[in-house]
Amino acid sequence: MCRWLSFSIFISQTEVAAAAGLSLRTYQRYEYGQRQPTADVLVALANFYDVSIDYLVGRTNNPNMNR
């Protein structure tokens, strides 16, 4: 899901999971496509990365679209 964002700014999965209020394993399942995040989780992740949800889920290349 947003693994490439973590790599681009050198943030660990543990840090992202904690910021989104998730367990590490739950976050990993989202990254590996084993689970789909809820709207609340998408909002938390978009806020953490400071991007739009559309950008987070790959609907646009513009991180500021629809913000």
Foldseek 3Di string as FASTA:
>chain_A
DCPVLCVVVVHDLCVLCVQLVHDSVVSVCCVVVVDPDDPSSLVSNCVVSVFDSCCVVVVDVHRHPPD
